[in-house]
């Protein structure tokens, strides 16, 4: 057996590339999410809106909490907020796929499927429900929010504490390590 298979990788080899979090659903608590800093770069055609957590670019997040507000504008959007005990996170779920010019270039059957899923997600986000939300970090009127990709209702009461523990563990062992080693 080779000695190389028994050797631990050096600290340099185990570090994750900071840019690797850019398109990953980063698990965050509300206090961490709300502290993201926004940098708008007109020169970047790939992603003009960048959000950073301690110097690391983040574009997607996963959060968990109780739906505490809900504002539905039929066939336009659902704006809701979730509270995880550390703060509230604003979320926007777009429901205008069938009328938006953005989707006019896409295959009509794909757009109908996307619109159906958005409607299903809007039904799931009811006040008082524990939900897991994944989506893209975006800004509106100077505030950070989530443009929702999906909503999952959690019925297991242990999911919230598990999410908290995962966020703390990932923060200590992954996210903060990257910002320190930069």
N, C-alpha and C. Protein backbone atom coordinates (compact mmCIF):
# COMPACT_ATOMS: atom_id res chain seq x y z
N UNK A 1 0.83 -1.18 0.00
CA UNK A 1 0.00 0.00 0.00
C UNK A 1 0.88 1.25 0.00
N UNK A 2 0.50 2.25 -0.74
CA UNK A 2 1.29 3.46 -0.89
C UNK A 2 1.17 4.34 0.35
N UNK A 3 2.26 5.03 0.68
CA UNK A 3 2.25 5.96 1.80
C UNK A 3 1.33 7.15 1.55
N UNK A 4 1.13 7.51 0.30
CA UNK A 4 0.32 8.67 -0.03
C UNK A 4 -1.14 8.48 0.36
N UNK A 5 -1.66 7.28 0.34
CA UNK A 5 -3.06 7.07 0.70
C UNK A 5 -3.28 7.21 2.20
N UNK A 6 -2.24 6.99 3.01
CA UNK A 6 -2.36 7.10 4.45
C UNK A 6 -2.11 8.52 4.96
N UNK A 7 -1.53 9.36 4.13
CA UNK A 7 -1.19 10.70 4.57
C UNK A 7 -2.40 11.61 4.54
N UNK A 8 -2.48 12.48 5.56
CA UNK A 8 -3.51 13.50 5.58
C UNK A 8 -3.11 14.62 4.63
N UNK A 9 -4.08 15.22 3.93
CA UNK A 9 -3.72 16.36 3.08
C UNK A 9 -3.30 17.54 3.95
N UNK A 10 -2.42 18.37 3.42
CA UNK A 10 -1.98 19.54 4.16
C UNK A 10 -3.14 20.53 4.30
N UNK A 11 -2.98 21.48 5.21
CA UNK A 11 -4.02 22.50 5.41
C UNK A 11 -4.33 23.25 4.13
N UNK A 12 -3.32 23.49 3.32
CA UNK A 12 -3.54 24.19 2.05
C UNK A 12 -4.45 23.39 1.14
N UNK A 13 -4.28 22.07 1.12
CA UNK A 13 -5.08 21.22 0.23
C UNK A 13 -6.52 21.09 0.69
N UNK A 14 -6.78 21.22 2.00
CA UNK A 14 -8.13 21.03 2.51
C UNK A 14 -8.97 22.28 2.42
N UNK A 15 -8.35 23.44 2.19
CA UNK A 15 -9.12 24.67 2.09
C UNK A 15 -9.97 24.65 0.83
N UNK A 16 -11.15 25.20 0.97
CA UNK A 16 -12.08 25.28 -0.15
C UNK A 16 -11.85 26.61 -0.86
N UNK A 17 -11.92 26.59 -2.15
CA UNK A 17 -11.80 27.82 -2.92
C UNK A 17 -12.95 28.75 -2.53
N UNK A 18 -12.66 30.01 -2.13
CA UNK A 18 -13.73 30.91 -1.72
C UNK A 18 -14.80 31.10 -2.78
N UNK A 19 -14.45 31.05 -4.04
CA UNK A 19 -15.44 31.22 -5.10
C UNK A 19 -16.36 30.00 -5.23
N UNK A 20 -16.01 28.90 -4.57
CA UNK A 20 -16.84 27.70 -4.69
C UNK A 20 -18.18 27.87 -3.99
N UNK A 21 -18.32 28.84 -3.09
CA UNK A 21 -19.60 29.09 -2.43
C UNK A 21 -20.53 29.94 -3.29
N UNK A 22 -20.01 30.49 -4.36
CA UNK A 22 -20.79 31.44 -5.15
C UNK A 22 -22.11 30.86 -5.67
N UNK A 23 -22.14 29.65 -6.15
CA UNK A 23 -23.39 29.06 -6.65
C UNK A 23 -23.86 27.89 -5.80
N UNK A 24 -23.48 27.89 -4.54
CA UNK A 24 -23.88 26.86 -3.59
C UNK A 24 -24.96 27.43 -2.67
N UNK A 25 -25.94 26.62 -2.30
CA UNK A 25 -26.94 27.06 -1.32
C UNK A 25 -26.28 27.04 0.06
N UNK A 26 -25.84 28.19 0.51
CA UNK A 26 -25.16 28.34 1.79
C UNK A 26 -26.21 28.41 2.89
N UNK A 27 -26.06 27.56 3.90
CA UNK A 27 -27.01 27.55 5.03
C UNK A 27 -26.65 28.67 5.99
N UNK A 28 -27.62 29.58 6.20
CA UNK A 28 -27.38 30.73 7.07
C UNK A 28 -28.54 30.93 8.03
N UNK A 29 -28.22 31.52 9.20
CA UNK A 29 -29.24 32.00 10.12
C UNK A 29 -29.57 33.44 9.74
N UNK A 30 -30.71 33.93 10.21
CA UNK A 30 -31.18 35.25 9.80
C UNK A 30 -30.19 36.36 10.14
N UNK A 31 -29.58 36.31 11.33
CA UNK A 31 -28.65 37.38 11.70
C UNK A 31 -27.47 37.42 10.73
N UNK A 32 -27.04 36.27 10.26
CA UNK A 32 -25.94 36.19 9.31
C UNK A 32 -26.40 36.65 7.92
N UNK A 33 -27.58 36.20 7.52
CA UNK A 33 -28.13 36.58 6.22
C UNK A 33 -28.30 38.10 6.13
N UNK A 34 -28.88 38.69 7.17
CA UNK A 34 -29.16 40.12 7.16
C UNK A 34 -27.89 40.97 7.25
N UNK A 35 -26.76 40.34 7.59
CA UNK A 35 -25.49 41.09 7.65
C UNK A 35 -24.71 41.01 6.34
N UNK A 36 -25.27 40.33 5.32
CA UNK A 36 -24.58 40.27 4.03
C UNK A 36 -24.40 41.68 3.48
N UNK A 37 -23.24 41.92 2.91
CA UNK A 37 -22.99 43.24 2.32
C UNK A 37 -23.15 43.15 0.81
N UNK A 38 -23.65 44.22 0.26
CA UNK A 38 -23.97 44.27 -1.17
C UNK A 38 -22.91 45.08 -1.90
N UNK A 39 -22.49 44.56 -3.04
CA UNK A 39 -21.57 45.28 -3.89
C UNK A 39 -22.12 45.22 -5.31
N UNK A 40 -22.43 46.36 -5.87
CA UNK A 40 -22.95 46.40 -7.23
C UNK A 40 -21.83 46.81 -8.17
N UNK A 41 -21.56 45.92 -9.12
CA UNK A 41 -20.47 46.14 -10.05
C UNK A 41 -21.01 46.29 -11.47
N UNK A 42 -21.04 47.50 -12.00
CA UNK A 42 -21.53 47.68 -13.37
C UNK A 42 -20.62 47.05 -14.41
N UNK A 43 -19.36 46.82 -14.05
CA UNK A 43 -18.42 46.27 -15.03
C UNK A 43 -18.56 44.75 -15.17
N UNK A 44 -19.20 44.11 -14.20
CA UNK A 44 -19.35 42.65 -14.26
C UNK A 44 -20.64 42.30 -15.00
N UNK A 45 -20.51 41.77 -16.19
CA UNK A 45 -21.70 41.40 -16.97
C UNK A 45 -22.27 40.07 -16.51
N UNK A 46 -21.44 39.24 -15.84
CA UNK A 46 -21.89 37.92 -15.40
C UNK A 46 -22.87 38.03 -14.23
N UNK A 47 -22.55 38.80 -13.22
CA UNK A 47 -23.40 38.95 -12.04
C UNK A 47 -23.20 40.34 -11.46
N UNK A 48 -24.03 41.30 -11.87
CA UNK A 48 -23.81 42.68 -11.43
C UNK A 48 -24.10 42.89 -9.94
N UNK A 49 -24.90 42.03 -9.32
CA UNK A 49 -25.21 42.17 -7.90
C UNK A 49 -24.51 41.08 -7.11
N UNK A 50 -23.51 41.48 -6.35
CA UNK A 50 -22.77 40.53 -5.54
C UNK A 50 -23.02 40.81 -4.06
N UNK A 51 -23.19 39.75 -3.29
CA UNK A 51 -23.36 39.86 -1.85
C UNK A 51 -22.23 39.08 -1.19
N UNK A 52 -21.72 39.64 -0.10
CA UNK A 52 -20.57 39.05 0.57
C UNK A 52 -20.87 38.77 2.04
N UNK A 53 -20.33 37.66 2.51
CA UNK A 53 -20.32 37.33 3.94
C UNK A 53 -18.86 37.25 4.34
N UNK A 54 -18.42 38.22 5.12
CA UNK A 54 -17.03 38.28 5.57
C UNK A 54 -16.04 38.15 4.41
N UNK A 55 -16.34 38.82 3.30
CA UNK A 55 -15.43 38.85 2.16
C UNK A 55 -15.60 37.70 1.17
N UNK A 56 -16.49 36.77 1.45
CA UNK A 56 -16.72 35.62 0.57
C UNK A 56 -17.99 35.88 -0.25
N UNK A 57 -17.92 35.79 -1.59
CA UNK A 57 -19.13 36.01 -2.39
C UNK A 57 -20.14 34.89 -2.20
N UNK A 58 -21.40 35.29 -2.01
CA UNK A 58 -22.49 34.32 -1.82
C UNK A 58 -23.63 34.74 -2.75
N UNK A 59 -24.15 33.78 -3.51
CA UNK A 59 -25.26 34.10 -4.41
C UNK A 59 -26.53 33.33 -4.07
N UNK A 60 -26.41 32.20 -3.40
CA UNK A 60 -27.58 31.37 -3.08
C UNK A 60 -27.54 30.97 -1.61
N UNK A 61 -28.73 30.86 -1.00
CA UNK A 61 -28.80 30.51 0.41
C UNK A 61 -29.93 29.51 0.66
N UNK A 62 -29.82 28.86 1.82
CA UNK A 62 -30.89 28.02 2.34
C UNK A 62 -31.13 28.47 3.76
N UNK A 63 -32.39 28.79 4.08
CA UNK A 63 -32.75 29.25 5.42
C UNK A 63 -33.95 28.46 5.91
N UNK A 64 -34.20 28.55 7.21
CA UNK A 64 -35.30 27.81 7.82
C UNK A 64 -35.95 28.71 8.86
N UNK A 65 -37.27 28.68 8.94
CA UNK A 65 -37.96 29.46 9.96
C UNK A 65 -39.46 29.35 9.84
N UNK A 66 -40.14 30.14 10.67
CA UNK A 66 -41.60 30.18 10.70
C UNK A 66 -42.07 31.35 9.84
N UNK A 67 -43.04 31.11 8.98
CA UNK A 67 -43.61 32.19 8.17
C UNK A 67 -44.39 33.11 9.10
N UNK A 68 -43.99 34.40 9.13
CA UNK A 68 -44.64 35.35 10.04
C UNK A 68 -45.42 36.45 9.32
N UNK A 69 -45.10 36.71 8.05
CA UNK A 69 -45.90 37.65 7.26
C UNK A 69 -46.08 37.06 5.87
N UNK A 70 -47.17 37.49 5.23
CA UNK A 70 -47.50 36.96 3.89
C UNK A 70 -48.29 38.02 3.14
N UNK A 71 -47.81 38.44 1.97
CA UNK A 71 -48.48 39.43 1.14
C UNK A 71 -48.55 38.89 -0.28
N UNK A 72 -49.74 38.44 -0.68
CA UNK A 72 -49.93 37.82 -2.00
C UNK A 72 -50.55 38.81 -2.98
N UNK A 73 -49.90 38.99 -4.09
CA UNK A 73 -50.45 39.74 -5.23
C UNK A 73 -50.64 38.70 -6.33
N UNK A 74 -51.88 38.19 -6.50
CA UNK A 74 -52.12 37.09 -7.45
C UNK A 74 -51.53 37.36 -8.84
N UNK A 75 -50.90 36.31 -9.37
CA UNK A 75 -50.28 36.33 -10.69
C UNK A 75 -49.13 37.33 -10.81
N UNK A 76 -48.68 37.87 -9.69
CA UNK A 76 -47.53 38.78 -9.70
C UNK A 76 -46.43 38.25 -8.78
N UNK A 77 -46.69 38.24 -7.46
CA UNK A 77 -45.67 37.77 -6.52
C UNK A 77 -46.29 37.44 -5.17
N UNK A 78 -45.52 36.69 -4.38
CA UNK A 78 -45.82 36.46 -2.97
C UNK A 78 -44.61 36.97 -2.21
N UNK A 79 -44.84 37.94 -1.35
CA UNK A 79 -43.78 38.44 -0.47
C UNK A 79 -44.09 37.91 0.92
N UNK A 80 -43.11 37.25 1.53
CA UNK A 80 -43.32 36.74 2.88
C UNK A 80 -42.02 36.84 3.66
N UNK A 81 -42.13 36.74 4.97
CA UNK A 81 -40.92 36.76 5.79
C UNK A 81 -40.95 35.57 6.73
N UNK A 82 -39.76 35.08 7.03
CA UNK A 82 -39.64 33.96 7.96
C UNK A 82 -38.76 34.39 9.12
N UNK A 83 -39.08 33.86 10.30
CA UNK A 83 -38.34 34.17 11.52
C UNK A 83 -37.72 32.89 12.03
N UNK A 84 -36.39 32.90 12.22
CA UNK A 84 -35.72 31.71 12.73
C UNK A 84 -35.27 31.85 14.17
N UNK A 85 -35.68 32.93 14.83
CA UNK A 85 -35.29 33.15 16.21
C UNK A 85 -34.12 34.11 16.34
N UNK A 86 -33.38 34.34 15.26
CA UNK A 86 -32.27 35.29 15.29
C UNK A 86 -32.62 36.55 14.51
N UNK A 87 -33.76 36.54 13.83
CA UNK A 87 -34.20 37.68 13.03
C UNK A 87 -35.16 37.23 11.95
N UNK A 88 -35.61 38.19 11.17
CA UNK A 88 -36.55 37.90 10.07
C UNK A 88 -35.84 38.05 8.73
N UNK A 89 -36.23 37.19 7.79
CA UNK A 89 -35.68 37.21 6.45
C UNK A 89 -36.81 37.47 5.47
N UNK A 90 -36.63 38.47 4.62
CA UNK A 90 -37.61 38.80 3.61
C UNK A 90 -37.43 37.89 2.40
N UNK A 91 -38.54 37.38 1.86
CA UNK A 91 -38.50 36.48 0.70
C UNK A 91 -39.49 36.97 -0.35
N UNK A 92 -39.13 36.80 -1.60
CA UNK A 92 -40.03 37.14 -2.71
C UNK A 92 -40.10 35.93 -3.65
N UNK A 93 -41.32 35.51 -3.94
CA UNK A 93 -41.56 34.41 -4.86
C UNK A 93 -42.34 34.98 -6.04
N UNK A 94 -41.73 34.99 -7.21
CA UNK A 94 -42.37 35.56 -8.39
C UNK A 94 -43.40 34.58 -8.95
N UNK A 95 -44.58 35.11 -9.29
CA UNK A 95 -45.69 34.31 -9.82
C UNK A 95 -46.11 34.80 -11.21
N UNK A 96 -45.28 35.59 -11.86
CA UNK A 96 -45.63 36.21 -13.14
C UNK A 96 -44.98 35.54 -14.35
N UNK A 97 -44.66 34.28 -14.24
CA UNK A 97 -43.94 33.61 -15.32
C UNK A 97 -44.73 33.60 -16.63
N UNK A 98 -46.05 33.50 -16.56
CA UNK A 98 -46.86 33.40 -17.78
C UNK A 98 -47.01 34.74 -18.50
N UNK A 99 -46.75 35.86 -17.80
CA UNK A 99 -46.92 37.18 -18.42
C UNK A 99 -45.61 37.95 -18.54
N UNK A 100 -44.54 37.44 -18.00
CA UNK A 100 -43.25 38.14 -18.00
C UNK A 100 -42.53 38.01 -19.34
N UNK A 101 -41.99 39.12 -19.81
CA UNK A 101 -41.20 39.10 -21.05
C UNK A 101 -39.92 38.28 -20.88
N UNK A 102 -39.45 38.17 -19.65
CA UNK A 102 -38.23 37.40 -19.35
C UNK A 102 -38.38 35.95 -19.81
N UNK A 103 -39.58 35.39 -19.66
CA UNK A 103 -39.81 33.99 -20.01
C UNK A 103 -40.32 33.79 -21.43
N UNK A 104 -40.52 34.86 -22.19
CA UNK A 104 -41.11 34.75 -23.53
C UNK A 104 -40.24 33.98 -24.51
N UNK A 105 -38.94 33.94 -24.27
CA UNK A 105 -38.02 33.24 -25.17
C UNK A 105 -37.91 31.75 -24.86
N UNK A 106 -38.48 31.33 -23.76
CA UNK A 106 -38.36 29.93 -23.35
C UNK A 106 -39.50 29.10 -23.91
N UNK A 107 -39.32 27.82 -23.89
CA UNK A 107 -40.33 26.88 -24.36
C UNK A 107 -41.60 27.03 -23.51
N UNK A 108 -42.78 27.20 -24.15
CA UNK A 108 -44.02 27.40 -23.40
C UNK A 108 -44.34 26.31 -22.37
N UNK A 109 -44.02 25.06 -22.69
CA UNK A 109 -44.30 23.99 -21.71
C UNK A 109 -43.39 24.12 -20.48
N UNK A 110 -42.15 24.58 -20.70
CA UNK A 110 -41.24 24.80 -19.57
C UNK A 110 -41.75 25.93 -18.69
N UNK A 111 -42.22 27.00 -19.33
CA UNK A 111 -42.73 28.16 -18.58
C UNK A 111 -43.96 27.76 -17.77
N UNK A 112 -44.85 26.95 -18.35
CA UNK A 112 -46.03 26.48 -17.61
C UNK A 112 -45.62 25.64 -16.41
N UNK A 113 -44.61 24.79 -16.58
CA UNK A 113 -44.12 23.96 -15.46
C UNK A 113 -43.54 24.83 -14.35
N UNK A 114 -42.76 25.83 -14.73
CA UNK A 114 -42.17 26.75 -13.75
C UNK A 114 -43.27 27.50 -13.01
N UNK A 115 -44.28 27.96 -13.75
CA UNK A 115 -45.40 28.69 -13.13
C UNK A 115 -46.19 27.79 -12.18
N UNK A 116 -46.41 26.54 -12.56
CA UNK A 116 -47.11 25.61 -11.68
C UNK A 116 -46.34 25.37 -10.39
N UNK A 117 -45.03 25.19 -10.50
CA UNK A 117 -44.21 24.98 -9.30
C UNK A 117 -44.22 26.23 -8.41
N UNK A 118 -44.17 27.40 -9.01
CA UNK A 118 -44.21 28.64 -8.22
C UNK A 118 -45.54 28.74 -7.47
N UNK A 119 -46.63 28.37 -8.12
CA UNK A 119 -47.94 28.39 -7.44
C UNK A 119 -47.99 27.39 -6.29
N UNK A 120 -47.41 26.22 -6.49
CA UNK A 120 -47.36 25.22 -5.41
C UNK A 120 -46.56 25.76 -4.24
N UNK A 121 -45.41 26.39 -4.53
CA UNK A 121 -44.58 26.95 -3.47
C UNK A 121 -45.32 28.08 -2.74
N UNK A 122 -46.11 28.86 -3.47
CA UNK A 122 -46.84 29.96 -2.82
C UNK A 122 -47.91 29.43 -1.86
N UNK A 123 -48.49 28.29 -2.18
CA UNK A 123 -49.48 27.68 -1.30
C UNK A 123 -48.82 27.15 -0.03
N UNK A 124 -47.60 26.67 -0.15
CA UNK A 124 -46.89 26.10 1.00
C UNK A 124 -46.49 27.15 2.03
N UNK A 125 -46.25 28.36 1.61
CA UNK A 125 -45.77 29.42 2.51
C UNK A 125 -46.95 30.06 3.23
N UNK A 126 -47.47 29.39 4.25
CA UNK A 126 -48.60 29.88 5.03
C UNK A 126 -48.12 30.35 6.40
N UNK A 127 -48.75 31.38 6.94
CA UNK A 127 -48.37 31.91 8.24
C UNK A 127 -48.43 30.80 9.30
N UNK A 128 -47.36 30.72 10.08
CA UNK A 128 -47.26 29.74 11.16
C UNK A 128 -46.59 28.44 10.78
N UNK A 129 -46.35 28.22 9.50
CA UNK A 129 -45.71 26.99 9.04
C UNK A 129 -44.19 27.10 9.15
N UNK A 130 -43.56 25.99 9.56
CA UNK A 130 -42.10 25.89 9.52
C UNK A 130 -41.71 25.55 8.09
N UNK A 131 -40.88 26.40 7.48
CA UNK A 131 -40.49 26.17 6.09
C UNK A 131 -38.99 26.29 5.90
N UNK A 132 -38.51 25.53 4.94
CA UNK A 132 -37.14 25.62 4.47
C UNK A 132 -37.22 26.32 3.11
N UNK A 133 -36.47 27.40 2.98
CA UNK A 133 -36.50 28.21 1.75
C UNK A 133 -35.11 28.22 1.14
N UNK A 134 -35.06 27.97 -0.16
CA UNK A 134 -33.81 28.07 -0.91
C UNK A 134 -34.02 29.07 -2.03
N UNK A 135 -32.97 29.85 -2.31
CA UNK A 135 -33.10 30.80 -3.39
C UNK A 135 -31.85 31.65 -3.57
N UNK A 136 -32.02 32.65 -4.42
CA UNK A 136 -30.93 33.55 -4.80
C UNK A 136 -30.97 34.80 -3.92
N UNK A 137 -29.82 35.24 -3.47
CA UNK A 137 -29.73 36.47 -2.69
C UNK A 137 -29.93 37.64 -3.64
N UNK A 138 -30.81 38.55 -3.26
CA UNK A 138 -31.06 39.73 -4.08
C UNK A 138 -31.30 40.93 -3.17
N UNK A 139 -31.34 42.09 -3.76
CA UNK A 139 -31.58 43.30 -2.99
C UNK A 139 -32.79 44.04 -3.53
N UNK A 140 -33.50 44.72 -2.63
CA UNK A 140 -34.65 45.53 -3.03
C UNK A 140 -34.74 46.69 -2.06
N UNK A 141 -34.69 47.91 -2.60
CA UNK A 141 -34.75 49.13 -1.80
C UNK A 141 -33.73 49.14 -0.67
N UNK A 142 -32.54 48.69 -0.98
CA UNK A 142 -31.44 48.73 -0.03
C UNK A 142 -31.42 47.60 0.99
N UNK A 143 -32.38 46.68 0.92
CA UNK A 143 -32.42 45.56 1.86
C UNK A 143 -32.13 44.25 1.15
N UNK A 144 -31.54 43.32 1.87
CA UNK A 144 -31.24 42.01 1.31
C UNK A 144 -32.49 41.13 1.45
N UNK A 145 -32.73 40.31 0.43
CA UNK A 145 -33.88 39.41 0.45
C UNK A 145 -33.53 38.15 -0.33
N UNK A 146 -34.42 37.17 -0.27
CA UNK A 146 -34.24 35.93 -1.03
C UNK A 146 -35.26 35.92 -2.16
N UNK A 147 -34.77 35.74 -3.38
CA UNK A 147 -35.66 35.45 -4.51
C UNK A 147 -35.80 33.93 -4.53
N UNK A 148 -36.98 33.46 -4.17
CA UNK A 148 -37.22 32.06 -3.83
C UNK A 148 -37.16 31.14 -5.04
N UNK A 149 -36.42 30.02 -4.87
CA UNK A 149 -36.42 28.92 -5.83
C UNK A 149 -37.42 27.85 -5.40
N UNK A 150 -37.39 27.50 -4.10
CA UNK A 150 -38.34 26.50 -3.62
C UNK A 150 -38.62 26.68 -2.13
N UNK A 151 -39.79 26.17 -1.73
CA UNK A 151 -40.26 26.21 -0.35
C UNK A 151 -40.67 24.80 0.03
N UNK A 152 -40.17 24.32 1.18
CA UNK A 152 -40.52 23.00 1.67
C UNK A 152 -41.06 23.16 3.08
N UNK A 153 -42.26 22.63 3.33
CA UNK A 153 -42.83 22.65 4.68
C UNK A 153 -42.23 21.49 5.46
N UNK A 154 -41.71 21.80 6.64
CA UNK A 154 -41.12 20.79 7.52
C UNK A 154 -42.09 20.49 8.65
N UNK A 155 -42.39 19.22 8.84
CA UNK A 155 -43.29 18.82 9.90
C UNK A 155 -42.57 18.28 11.13
N UNK A 156 -41.29 17.93 10.96
CA UNK A 156 -40.49 17.40 12.06
C UNK A 156 -40.01 18.56 12.94
N UNK A 157 -40.36 18.56 14.24
CA UNK A 157 -39.94 19.67 15.11
C UNK A 157 -38.43 19.75 15.32
N UNK A 158 -37.71 18.70 15.00
CA UNK A 158 -36.25 18.70 15.16
C UNK A 158 -35.53 19.42 14.01
N UNK A 159 -36.24 19.71 12.93
CA UNK A 159 -35.59 20.34 11.76
C UNK A 159 -35.00 21.70 12.09
N UNK A 160 -35.68 22.47 12.92
CA UNK A 160 -35.18 23.81 13.21
C UNK A 160 -33.86 23.75 13.98
N UNK A 161 -33.80 22.92 15.02
CA UNK A 161 -32.55 22.83 15.79
C UNK A 161 -31.44 22.21 14.95
N UNK A 162 -31.79 21.26 14.08
CA UNK A 162 -30.80 20.67 13.18
C UNK A 162 -30.24 21.74 12.24
N UNK A 163 -31.11 22.59 11.71
CA UNK A 163 -30.66 23.67 10.83
C UNK A 163 -29.71 24.61 11.59
N UNK A 164 -30.08 24.97 12.81
CA UNK A 164 -29.22 25.84 13.63
C UNK A 164 -27.84 25.20 13.80
N UNK A 165 -27.82 23.93 14.19
CA UNK A 165 -26.55 23.24 14.42
C UNK A 165 -25.71 23.16 13.14
N UNK A 166 -26.37 22.87 12.01
CA UNK A 166 -25.65 22.81 10.74
C UNK A 166 -25.07 24.18 10.38
N UNK A 167 -25.84 25.24 10.60
CA UNK A 167 -25.36 26.59 10.30
C UNK A 167 -24.14 26.94 11.14
N UNK A 168 -24.21 26.64 12.42
CA UNK A 168 -23.08 26.94 13.32
C UNK A 168 -21.86 26.13 12.92
N UNK A 169 -22.06 24.84 12.67
CA UNK A 169 -20.95 23.97 12.29
C UNK A 169 -20.32 24.42 10.97
N UNK A 170 -21.15 24.69 9.96
CA UNK A 170 -20.62 25.14 8.67
C UNK A 170 -19.91 26.49 8.79
N UNK A 171 -20.45 27.36 9.61
CA UNK A 171 -19.83 28.66 9.81
C UNK A 171 -18.43 28.51 10.40
N UNK A 172 -18.32 27.68 11.41
CA UNK A 172 -17.03 27.49 12.08
C UNK A 172 -16.03 26.74 11.23
N UNK A 173 -16.48 25.69 10.56
CA UNK A 173 -15.54 24.80 9.88
C UNK A 173 -15.37 25.07 8.40
N UNK A 174 -16.23 25.87 7.82
CA UNK A 174 -16.14 26.08 6.37
C UNK A 174 -16.13 27.57 6.02
N UNK A 175 -17.22 28.27 6.32
CA UNK A 175 -17.35 29.65 5.86
C UNK A 175 -16.34 30.58 6.51
N UNK A 176 -16.18 30.51 7.84
CA UNK A 176 -15.24 31.40 8.53
C UNK A 176 -13.80 31.03 8.24
N UNK A 177 -13.53 29.76 8.03
CA UNK A 177 -12.17 29.32 7.71
C UNK A 177 -11.72 29.95 6.40
N UNK A 178 -12.63 30.00 5.43
CA UNK A 178 -12.28 30.58 4.13
C UNK A 178 -11.97 32.06 4.26
N UNK A 179 -12.76 32.79 5.04
CA UNK A 179 -12.53 34.23 5.14
C UNK A 179 -11.25 34.53 5.91
N UNK A 180 -10.86 33.66 6.84
CA UNK A 180 -9.63 33.86 7.60
C UNK A 180 -8.40 33.58 6.76
N UNK A 181 -8.47 32.60 5.88
CA UNK A 181 -7.32 32.15 5.09
C UNK A 181 -7.13 32.95 3.82
N UNK A 182 -8.04 33.83 3.51
CA UNK A 182 -7.99 34.59 2.27
C UNK A 182 -6.77 35.42 2.12
